[in-house]
C-alpha atoms as a PDB file:
ATOM      1  CA  MET A   1     -60.794  17.576 -34.083  1.00  0.00           C
ATOM      2  CA  PRO A   2     -60.812  15.847 -37.689  1.00  0.00           C
ATOM      3  CA  LEU A   3     -58.169  13.723 -38.959  1.00  0.00           C
ATOM      4  CA  ILE A   4     -55.194  15.883 -40.511  1.00  0.00           C
ATOM      5  CA  GLN A   5     -53.695  13.988 -43.682  1.00  0.00           C
ATOM      6  CA  PHE A   6     -50.062  15.864 -44.014  1.00  0.00           C
ATOM      7  CA  VAL A   7     -46.793  14.757 -43.552  1.00  0.00           C
ATOM      8  CA  GLN A   8     -45.780  12.231 -41.170  1.00  0.00           C
ATOM      9  CA  ASN A   9     -44.083  13.935 -38.761  1.00  0.00           C
ATOM     10  CA  TYR A  10     -43.659  17.495 -37.243  1.00  0.00           C
ATOM     11  CA  GLU A  11     -42.798  19.363 -34.138  1.00  0.00           C
ATOM     12  CA  ASP A  12     -45.210  21.209 -31.722  1.00  0.00           C
ATOM     13  CA  LEU A  13     -43.340  24.624 -30.843  1.00  0.00           C
ATOM     14  CA  SER A  14     -46.195  26.573 -29.270  1.00  0.00           C
ATOM     15  CA  THR A  15     -46.592  28.030 -25.696  1.00  0.00           C
ATOM     16  CA  ASP A  16     -48.828  29.784 -23.790  1.00  0.00           C
ATOM     17  CA  ARG A  17     -48.046  32.695 -25.764  1.00  0.00           C
ATOM     18  CA  GLY A  18     -48.840  31.386 -28.883  1.00  0.00           C
ATOM     19  CA  TYR A  19     -49.158  28.409 -31.463  1.00  0.00           C
ATOM     20  CA  GLN A  20     -46.458  27.677 -34.141  1.00  0.00           C
ATOM     21  CA  PHE A  21     -45.652  24.186 -35.507  1.00  0.00           C
ATOM     22  CA  LYS A  22     -42.762  22.977 -37.797  1.00  0.00           C
ATOM     23  CA  PHE A  23     -43.573  20.727 -40.319  1.00  0.00           C
ATOM     24  CA  PHE A  24     -40.985  17.821 -42.095  1.00  0.00           C
ATOM     25  CA  CYS A  25     -40.465  16.500 -45.632  1.00  0.00           C
ATOM     26  CA  ASP A  26     -41.374  13.023 -45.463  1.00  0.00           C
ATOM     27  CA  LYS A  27     -38.444  12.387 -47.801  1.00  0.00           C
ATOM     28  CA  CYS A  28     -35.394  14.329 -46.838  1.00  0.00           C
ATOM     29  CA  ARG A  29     -36.660  15.687 -43.527  1.00  0.00           C
ATOM     30  CA  ASN A  30     -36.297  19.286 -44.416  1.00  0.00           C
ATOM     31  CA  GLY A  31     -38.173  21.469 -42.128  1.00  0.00           C
ATOM     32  CA  PHE A  32     -41.005  24.496 -42.617  1.00  0.00           C
ATOM     33  CA  LEU A  33     -41.747  26.134 -39.804  1.00  0.00           C
ATOM     34  CA  SER A  34     -45.500  27.653 -39.724  1.00  0.00           C
ATOM     35  CA  ALA A  35     -46.109  31.567 -39.002  1.00  0.00           C
ATOM     36  CA  PHE A  36     -46.251  32.266 -35.095  1.00  0.00           C
ATOM     37  CA  GLN A  37     -50.073  32.428 -34.143  1.00  0.00           C
ATOM     38  CA  THR A  38     -50.903  34.756 -30.902  1.00  0.00           C
ATOM     39  CA  SER A  39     -53.151  32.987 -28.184  1.00  0.00           C
ATOM     40  CA  ALA A  40     -55.638  35.714 -27.429  1.00  0.00           C
ATOM     41  CA  ILE A  41     -55.444  34.112 -23.676  1.00  0.00           C
ATOM     42  CA  GLY A  42     -52.113  33.903 -23.231  1.00  0.00           C
ATOM     43  CA  VAL A  43     -51.704  37.538 -24.169  1.00  0.00           C
ATOM     44  CA  ALA A  44     -54.591  38.486 -21.591  1.00  0.00           C
ATOM     45  CA  GLU A  45     -52.707  35.856 -18.766  1.00  0.00           C
ATOM     46  CA  THR A  46     -49.504  37.941 -19.551  1.00  0.00           C
ATOM     47  CA  ALA A  47     -51.429  41.264 -18.829  1.00  0.00           C
ATOM     48  CA  LEU A  48     -52.696  40.102 -15.788  1.00  0.00           C
ATOM     49  CA  ARG A  49     -49.328  38.674 -14.442  1.00  0.00           C
ATOM     50  CA  VAL A  50     -48.036  42.113 -15.462  1.00  0.00           C
ATOM     51  CA  ALA A  51     -50.530  43.890 -13.273  1.00  0.00           C
ATOM     52  CA  GLY A  52     -50.027  41.061 -10.340  1.00  0.00           C
ATOM     53  CA  ASN A  53     -46.433  41.849 -10.115  1.00  0.00           C
ATOM     54  CA  LEU A  54     -47.069  45.876 -10.120  1.00  0.00           C
ATOM     55  CA  PHE A  55     -50.397  45.575  -7.654  1.00  0.00           C
ATOM     56  CA  GLY A  56     -50.068  42.358  -6.042  1.00  0.00           C
ATOM     57  CA  GLY A  57     -53.133  40.875  -4.177  1.00  0.00           C
ATOM     58  CA  ILE A  58     -55.930  39.824  -6.189  1.00  0.00           C
ATOM     59  CA  PHE A  59     -54.110  41.147  -9.691  1.00  0.00           C
ATOM     60  CA  ASN A  60     -51.747  38.561  -8.930  1.00  0.00           C
ATOM     61  CA  THR A  61     -54.460  35.807  -8.385  1.00  0.00           C
ATOM     62  CA  ALA A  62     -56.403  36.743 -11.268  1.00  0.00           C
ATOM     63  CA  GLY A  63     -53.031  36.207 -13.142  1.00  0.00           C
ATOM     64  CA  ASN A  64     -52.460  32.549 -11.520  1.00  0.00           C
ATOM     65  CA  SER A  65     -56.098  32.061 -12.632  1.00  0.00           C
ATOM     66  CA  ALA A  66     -55.769  33.013 -16.519  1.00  0.00           C
ATOM     67  CA  TYR A  67     -52.709  30.811 -16.704  1.00  0.00           C
ATOM     68  CA  GLU A  68     -54.951  28.076 -15.224  1.00  0.00           C
ATOM     69  CA  ILE A  69     -57.617  28.921 -17.581  1.00  0.00           C
ATOM     70  CA  GLN A  70     -55.199  29.077 -20.709  1.00  0.00           C
ATOM     71  CA  ARG A  71     -53.890  25.148 -19.685  1.00  0.00           C
ATOM     72  CA  ALA A  72     -57.261  24.003 -19.214  1.00  0.00           C
ATOM     73  CA  ILE A  73     -59.189  25.212 -22.116  1.00  0.00           C
ATOM     74  CA  GLY A  74     -55.987  25.509 -24.542  1.00  0.00           C
ATOM     75  CA  GLY A  75     -57.047  22.059 -26.450  1.00  0.00           C
ATOM     76  CA  PRO A  76     -59.744  23.579 -29.105  1.00  0.00           C
ATOM     77  CA  ALA A  77     -57.284  26.991 -29.423  1.00  0.00           C
ATOM     78  CA  HIS A  78     -54.510  24.724 -30.155  1.00  0.00           C
ATOM     79  CA  ASP A  79     -56.121  22.440 -32.683  1.00  0.00           C
ATOM     80  CA  ALA A  80     -57.580  25.352 -34.703  1.00  0.00           C
ATOM     81  CA  ALA A  81     -54.012  26.951 -34.790  1.00  0.00           C
ATOM     82  CA  LEU A  82     -52.649  23.366 -35.787  1.00  0.00           C
ATOM     83  CA  ALA A  83     -55.426  23.148 -38.602  1.00  0.00           C
ATOM     84  CA  ALA A  84     -54.625  26.485 -39.729  1.00  0.00           C
ATOM     85  CA  ALA A  85     -50.929  25.591 -39.874  1.00  0.00           C
ATOM     86  CA  VAL A  86     -51.763  22.382 -41.931  1.00  0.00           C
ATOM     87  CA  ASP A  87     -53.113  24.465 -44.743  1.00  0.00           C
ATOM     88  CA  GLU A  88     -50.485  26.624 -44.384  1.00  0.00           C
ATOM     89  CA  GLY A  89     -47.878  23.827 -44.936  1.00  0.00           C
ATOM     90  CA  LYS A  90     -49.928  22.437 -47.380  1.00  0.00           C
ATOM     91  CA  LYS A  91     -49.579  25.426 -49.596  1.00  0.00           C
ATOM     92  CA  HIS A  92     -45.695  25.075 -49.069  1.00  0.00           C
ATOM     93  CA  PHE A  93     -45.461  20.793 -49.828  1.00  0.00           C
ATOM     94  CA  HIS A  94     -46.000  18.811 -52.767  1.00  0.00           C
ATOM     95  CA  GLN A  95     -48.459  15.533 -52.288  1.00  0.00           C
ATOM     96  CA  CYS A  96     -47.060  12.845 -54.519  1.00  0.00           C
ATOM     97  CA  THR A  97     -50.077  11.355 -56.336  1.00  0.00           C
ATOM     98  CA  ARG A  98     -48.460   7.978 -56.674  1.00  0.00           C
ATOM     99  CA  CYS A  99     -47.292   7.083 -52.980  1.00  0.00           C
ATOM    100  CA  GLY A 100     -48.979  10.074 -51.047  1.00  0.00           C
ATOM    101  CA  HIS A 101     -46.213  11.722 -49.455  1.00  0.00           C
ATOM    102  CA  TRP A 102     -45.710  15.103 -49.222  1.00  0.00           C
ATOM    103  CA  VAL A 103     -42.317  16.328 -49.967  1.00  0.00           C
ATOM    104  CA  CYS A 104     -40.413  19.589 -50.351  1.00  0.00           C
ATOM    105  CA  PRO A 105     -40.374  21.709 -53.748  1.00  0.00           C
ATOM    106  CA  GLU A 106     -36.616  22.185 -53.294  1.00  0.00           C
ATOM    107  CA  VAL A 107     -34.847  19.130 -53.421  1.00  0.00           C
ATOM    108  CA  CYS A 108     -37.521  15.950 -53.068  1.00  0.00           C
ATOM    109  CA  TRP A 109     -40.152  16.985 -55.865  1.00  0.00           C
ATOM    110  CA  ASN A 110     -39.646  16.338 -59.523  1.00  0.00           C
ATOM    111  CA  ALA A 111     -41.577  19.284 -61.141  1.00  0.00           C
ATOM    112  CA  GLY A 112     -41.796  17.887 -64.655  1.00  0.00           C
ATOM    113  CA  ALA A 113     -42.820  14.804 -63.736  1.00  0.00           C
ATOM    114  CA  GLY A 114     -45.393  15.816 -61.249  1.00  0.00           C
ATOM    115  CA  LEU A 115     -44.402  13.241 -58.691  1.00  0.00           C
ATOM    116  CA  CYS A 116     -41.721  12.733 -55.761  1.00  0.00           C
ATOM    117  CA  GLU A 117     -38.443  12.086 -57.026  1.00  0.00           C
ATOM    118  CA  THR A 118     -38.692   8.533 -55.121  1.00  0.00           C
ATOM    119  CA  CYS A 119     -41.209   7.682 -57.705  1.00  0.00           C
ATOM    120  CA  ALA A 120     -40.240   9.606 -60.599  1.00  0.00           C
ATOM    121  CA  PRO A 121     -36.573  10.103 -60.163  1.00  0.00           C
ATOM    122  CA  ASN A 122     -34.630  13.447 -61.578  1.00  0.00           C
ATOM    123  CA  PHE A 123     -33.494  12.015 -64.912  1.00  0.00           C
ATOM    124  CA  GLN A 124     -30.117  14.161 -64.742  1.00  0.00           C
ATOM    125  CA  GLU A 125     -29.511  13.448 -61.177  1.00  0.00           C
ATOM    126  CA  GLU A 126     -29.837   9.847 -61.743  1.00  0.00           C
ATOM    127  CA  LEU A 127     -27.470  10.378 -64.999  1.00  0.00           C
ATOM    128  CA  ALA A 128     -24.744  12.085 -63.076  1.00  0.00           C
ATOM    129  CA  SER A 129     -25.113   9.579 -59.872  1.00  0.00           C
ATOM    130  CA  ALA A 130     -24.516   6.664 -62.143  1.00  0.00           C
ATOM    131  CA  HIS A 131     -21.540   8.040 -64.359  1.00  0.00           C
ATOM    132  CA  ALA A 132     -19.589   8.939 -61.097  1.00  0.00           C
ATOM    133  CA  GLN A 133     -19.912   5.185 -59.986  1.00  0.00           C
ATOM    134  CA  ALA A 134     -19.630   3.531 -63.111  1.00  0.00           C
ATOM    135  CA  LYS A 135     -16.103   5.196 -63.333  1.00  0.00           C
ATOM    136  CA  ALA A 136     -15.145   4.372 -59.584  1.00  0.00           C
ATOM    137  CA  SER A 137     -16.327   0.918 -60.331  1.00  0.00           C
ATOM    138  CA  ALA A 138     -14.584   0.577 -63.605  1.00  0.00           C
ATOM    139  CA  ALA A 139     -11.467   1.733 -61.862  1.00  0.00           C
ATOM    140  CA  ARG A 140     -11.596  -0.877 -58.910  1.00  0.00           C
ATOM    141  CA  GLN A 141     -12.181  -3.758 -61.633  1.00  0.00           C
ATOM    142  CA  GLN A 142      -8.671  -2.122 -63.771  1.00  0.00           C
ATOM    143  CA  LEU A 143      -6.932  -2.246 -60.607  1.00  0.00           C
ATOM    144  CA  ILE A 144      -7.975  -5.825 -59.830  1.00  0.00           C
ATOM    145  CA  GLN A 145      -6.864  -6.751 -63.579  1.00  0.00           C
ATOM    146  CA  LYS A 146      -3.549  -4.796 -63.526  1.00  0.00           C
ATOM    147  CA  ALA A 147      -2.770  -6.721 -59.938  1.00  0.00           C
ATOM    148  CA  ASN A 148      -3.892 -10.384 -61.943  1.00  0.00           C
ATOM    149  CA  ASP A 149      -1.696  -9.560 -64.745  1.00  0.00           C
ATOM    150  CA  THR A 150       1.215  -8.773 -62.346  1.00  0.00           C
ATOM    151  CA  ASN A 151       3.435 -11.616 -61.146  1.00  0.00           C
ATOM    152  CA  LEU A 152       4.022 -10.432 -57.080  1.00  0.00           C
ATOM    153  CA  ILE A 153       5.144 -13.831 -56.217  1.00  0.00           C
ATOM    154  CA  ALA A 154       8.502 -14.680 -58.519  1.00  0.00           C
ATOM    155  CA  GLY A 155      10.717 -16.937 -56.497  1.00  0.00           C
ATOM    156  CA  ILE A 156       8.660 -17.622 -53.829  1.00  0.00           C
ATOM    157  CA  GLU A 157       9.091 -21.526 -52.755  1.00  0.00           C
ATOM    158  CA  MET A 158       6.120 -23.142 -52.759  1.00  0.00           C
ATOM    159  CA  GLY A 159       6.910 -26.532 -51.168  1.00  0.00           C
ATOM    160  CA  ALA A 160       5.410 -28.319 -48.065  1.00  0.00           C
ATOM    161  CA  SER A 161       8.106 -27.060 -45.875  1.00  0.00           C
ATOM    162  CA  ALA A 162       8.650 -23.509 -47.269  1.00  0.00           C
ATOM    163  CA  VAL A 163       7.617 -20.888 -45.224  1.00  0.00           C
ATOM    164  CA  VAL A 164       7.092 -16.939 -46.034  1.00  0.00           C
ATOM    165  CA  ARG A 165       8.199 -14.495 -43.397  1.00  0.00           C
ATOM    166  CA  ALA A 166       7.163 -10.773 -42.907  1.00  0.00           C
ATOM    167  CA  PRO A 167      10.344  -8.593 -43.428  1.00  0.00           C
ATOM    168  CA  GLY A 168      12.119  -7.458 -40.548  1.00  0.00           C
ATOM    169  CA  PRO A 169      14.196  -4.271 -39.756  1.00  0.00           C
ATOM    170  CA  VAL A 170      15.888  -2.861 -42.935  1.00  0.00           C
ATOM    171  CA  GLN A 171      19.412  -3.639 -42.427  1.00  0.00           C
ATOM    172  CA  ALA A 172      22.461  -2.187 -44.375  1.00  0.00           C
ATOM    173  CA  ALA A 173      23.581  -4.723 -46.559  1.00  0.00           C
ATOM    174  CA  GLU A 174      26.969  -6.258 -46.369  1.00  0.00           C
ATOM    175  CA  SER A 175      29.802  -5.629 -49.025  1.00  0.00           C
ATOM    176  CA  ALA A 176      30.393  -8.542 -51.076  1.00  0.00           C
ATOM    177  CA  CYS A 177      34.173 -10.127 -51.524  1.00  0.00           C
ATOM    178  CA  SER A 178      34.737  -8.952 -55.170  1.00  0.00           C
ATOM    179  CA  ALA A 179      36.775 -12.559 -55.429  1.00  0.00           C
ATOM    180  CA  CYS A 180      34.673 -14.843 -54.116  1.00  0.00           C
ATOM    181  CA  GLY A 181      31.663 -13.453 -53.929  1.00  0.00           C
ATOM    182  CA  ALA A 182      30.780 -13.993 -50.060  1.00  0.00           C
ATOM    183  CA  ALA A 183      30.205 -11.611 -47.328  1.00  0.00           C
ATOM    184  CA  ALA A 184      33.413  -9.637 -46.608  1.00  0.00           C
ATOM    185  CA  GLY A 185      32.461  -7.852 -43.597  1.00  0.00           C
ATOM    186  CA  GLU A 186      34.315  -4.803 -42.190  1.00  0.00           C
ATOM    187  CA  GLY A 187      37.881  -5.908 -42.642  1.00  0.00           C
ATOM    188  CA  ARG A 188      40.567  -5.720 -44.929  1.00  0.00           C
ATOM    189  CA  PHE A 189      40.685  -9.158 -46.033  1.00  0.00           C
ATOM    190  CA  CYS A 190      37.941 -11.463 -46.682  1.00  0.00           C
ATOM    191  CA  PRO A 191      37.337 -14.060 -44.281  1.00  0.00           C
ATOM    192  CA  HIS A 192      36.248 -16.668 -46.467  1.00  0.00           C
ATOM    193  CA  CYS A 193      39.214 -16.635 -49.525  1.00  0.00           C
ATOM    194  CA  GLY A 194      41.694 -14.175 -48.066  1.00  0.00           C
ATOM    195  CA  ALA A 195      41.753 -12.116 -50.762  1.00  0.00           C
ATOM    196  CA  GLU A 196      42.338  -8.321 -49.707  1.00  0.00           C
ATOM    197  CA  ARG A 197      39.327  -5.898 -50.263  1.00  0.00           C
ATOM    198  CA  ALA A 198      39.140  -3.249 -52.392  1.00  0.00           C
ATOM    199  CA  GLY A 199      38.375  -0.587 -49.832  1.00  0.00           C
ATOM    200  CA  PRO A 200      34.998   0.651 -48.349  1.00  0.00           C
ATOM    201  CA  ALA A 201      32.926   2.582 -50.398  1.00  0.00           C
ATOM    202  CA  LYS A 202      31.997   4.860 -47.653  1.00  0.00           C
ATOM    203  CA  CYS A 203      33.758   5.965 -44.175  1.00  0.00           C
ATOM    204  CA  PRO A 204      32.939   4.246 -41.367  1.00  0.00           C
ATOM    205  CA  GLY A 205      33.173   7.309 -39.102  1.00  0.00           C
ATOM    206  CA  CYS A 206      31.096   9.664 -40.930  1.00  0.00           C
ATOM    207  CA  GLY A 207      29.321   7.615 -44.034  1.00  0.00           C
ATOM    208  CA  ALA A 208      31.164   9.683 -46.924  1.00  0.00           C
ATOM    209  CA  ALA A 209      32.409   8.256 -49.729  1.00  0.00           C
ATOM    210  CA  VAL A 210      36.173   7.683 -50.129  1.00  0.00           C
ATOM    211  CA  THR A 211      38.188   6.291 -52.662  1.00  0.00           C
ATOM    212  CA  SER A 212      39.748   2.653 -52.859  1.00  0.00           C
ATOM    213  CA  ASP A 213      43.203   3.592 -51.962  1.00  0.00           C
ATOM    214  CA  ALA A 214      42.385   6.252 -49.222  1.00  0.00           C
ATOM    215  CA  ARG A 215      43.783   5.313 -45.682  1.00  0.00           C
ATOM    216  CA  PHE A 216      42.039   7.996 -44.044  1.00  0.00           C
ATOM    217  CA  CYS A 217      38.769   9.717 -44.740  1.00  0.00           C
ATOM    218  CA  ALA A 218      39.095  13.349 -46.329  1.00  0.00           C
ATOM    219  CA  HIS A 219      36.008  14.627 -44.211  1.00  0.00           C
ATOM    220  CA  CYS A 220      36.549  13.570 -40.932  1.00  0.00           C
ATOM    221  CA  GLY A 221      39.922  11.849 -40.664  1.00  0.00           C
ATOM    222  CA  HIS A 222      38.719   8.186 -39.728  1.00  0.00           C
ATOM    223  CA  LYS A 223      40.692   5.634 -40.597  1.00  0.00           C
ATOM    224  CA  VAL A 224      39.603   3.657 -43.468  1.00  0.00           C
ATOM    225  CA  ALA A 225      42.051   1.269 -44.346  1.00  0.00           C
END
């Protein structure tokens, strides 16, 4: 059979009943399914098989022989069917005269330029793609610039012995003594200077807000002073 110049890849879907092929676009791999071509010998083999099932004996043997004949002489018939399918596929696909690829008209063919979109990209598609990519790139650059303009290390010691530790679990801040500023703890008096605390801002029992002169929580009755 002479060389068939067409798409680079195709799928053979033929059976003993007939021939059918699926051709793929060289660029995007979209497929085109050729029309089914019935095999005359395959039809005869089916008829003989049916007759063999009905009557047995010689008809059954003939049916098996017909199948073997189909397998033996299917080469030329198969090649002829493939050639016909190629002619059908060439009417669907377009061949780019610049690169020689056969491409589908729906996605990969630039009809205005008469070339495939690899050789002659679609202007509007390329513009839309470049537009979106440019905005994304600009956004990244602006985020980097904004981060560069922000002081993210204020107060961090850079001495040779300085160590930056990752933050641990969040803990409740201790109340500070109003007299000396040291952590006053939970007692009524400051353990550092002895000054009397103004009173907790929250009930130690239920967490509700309490006044500085309250002795018991109005919400749960817990003693707060």
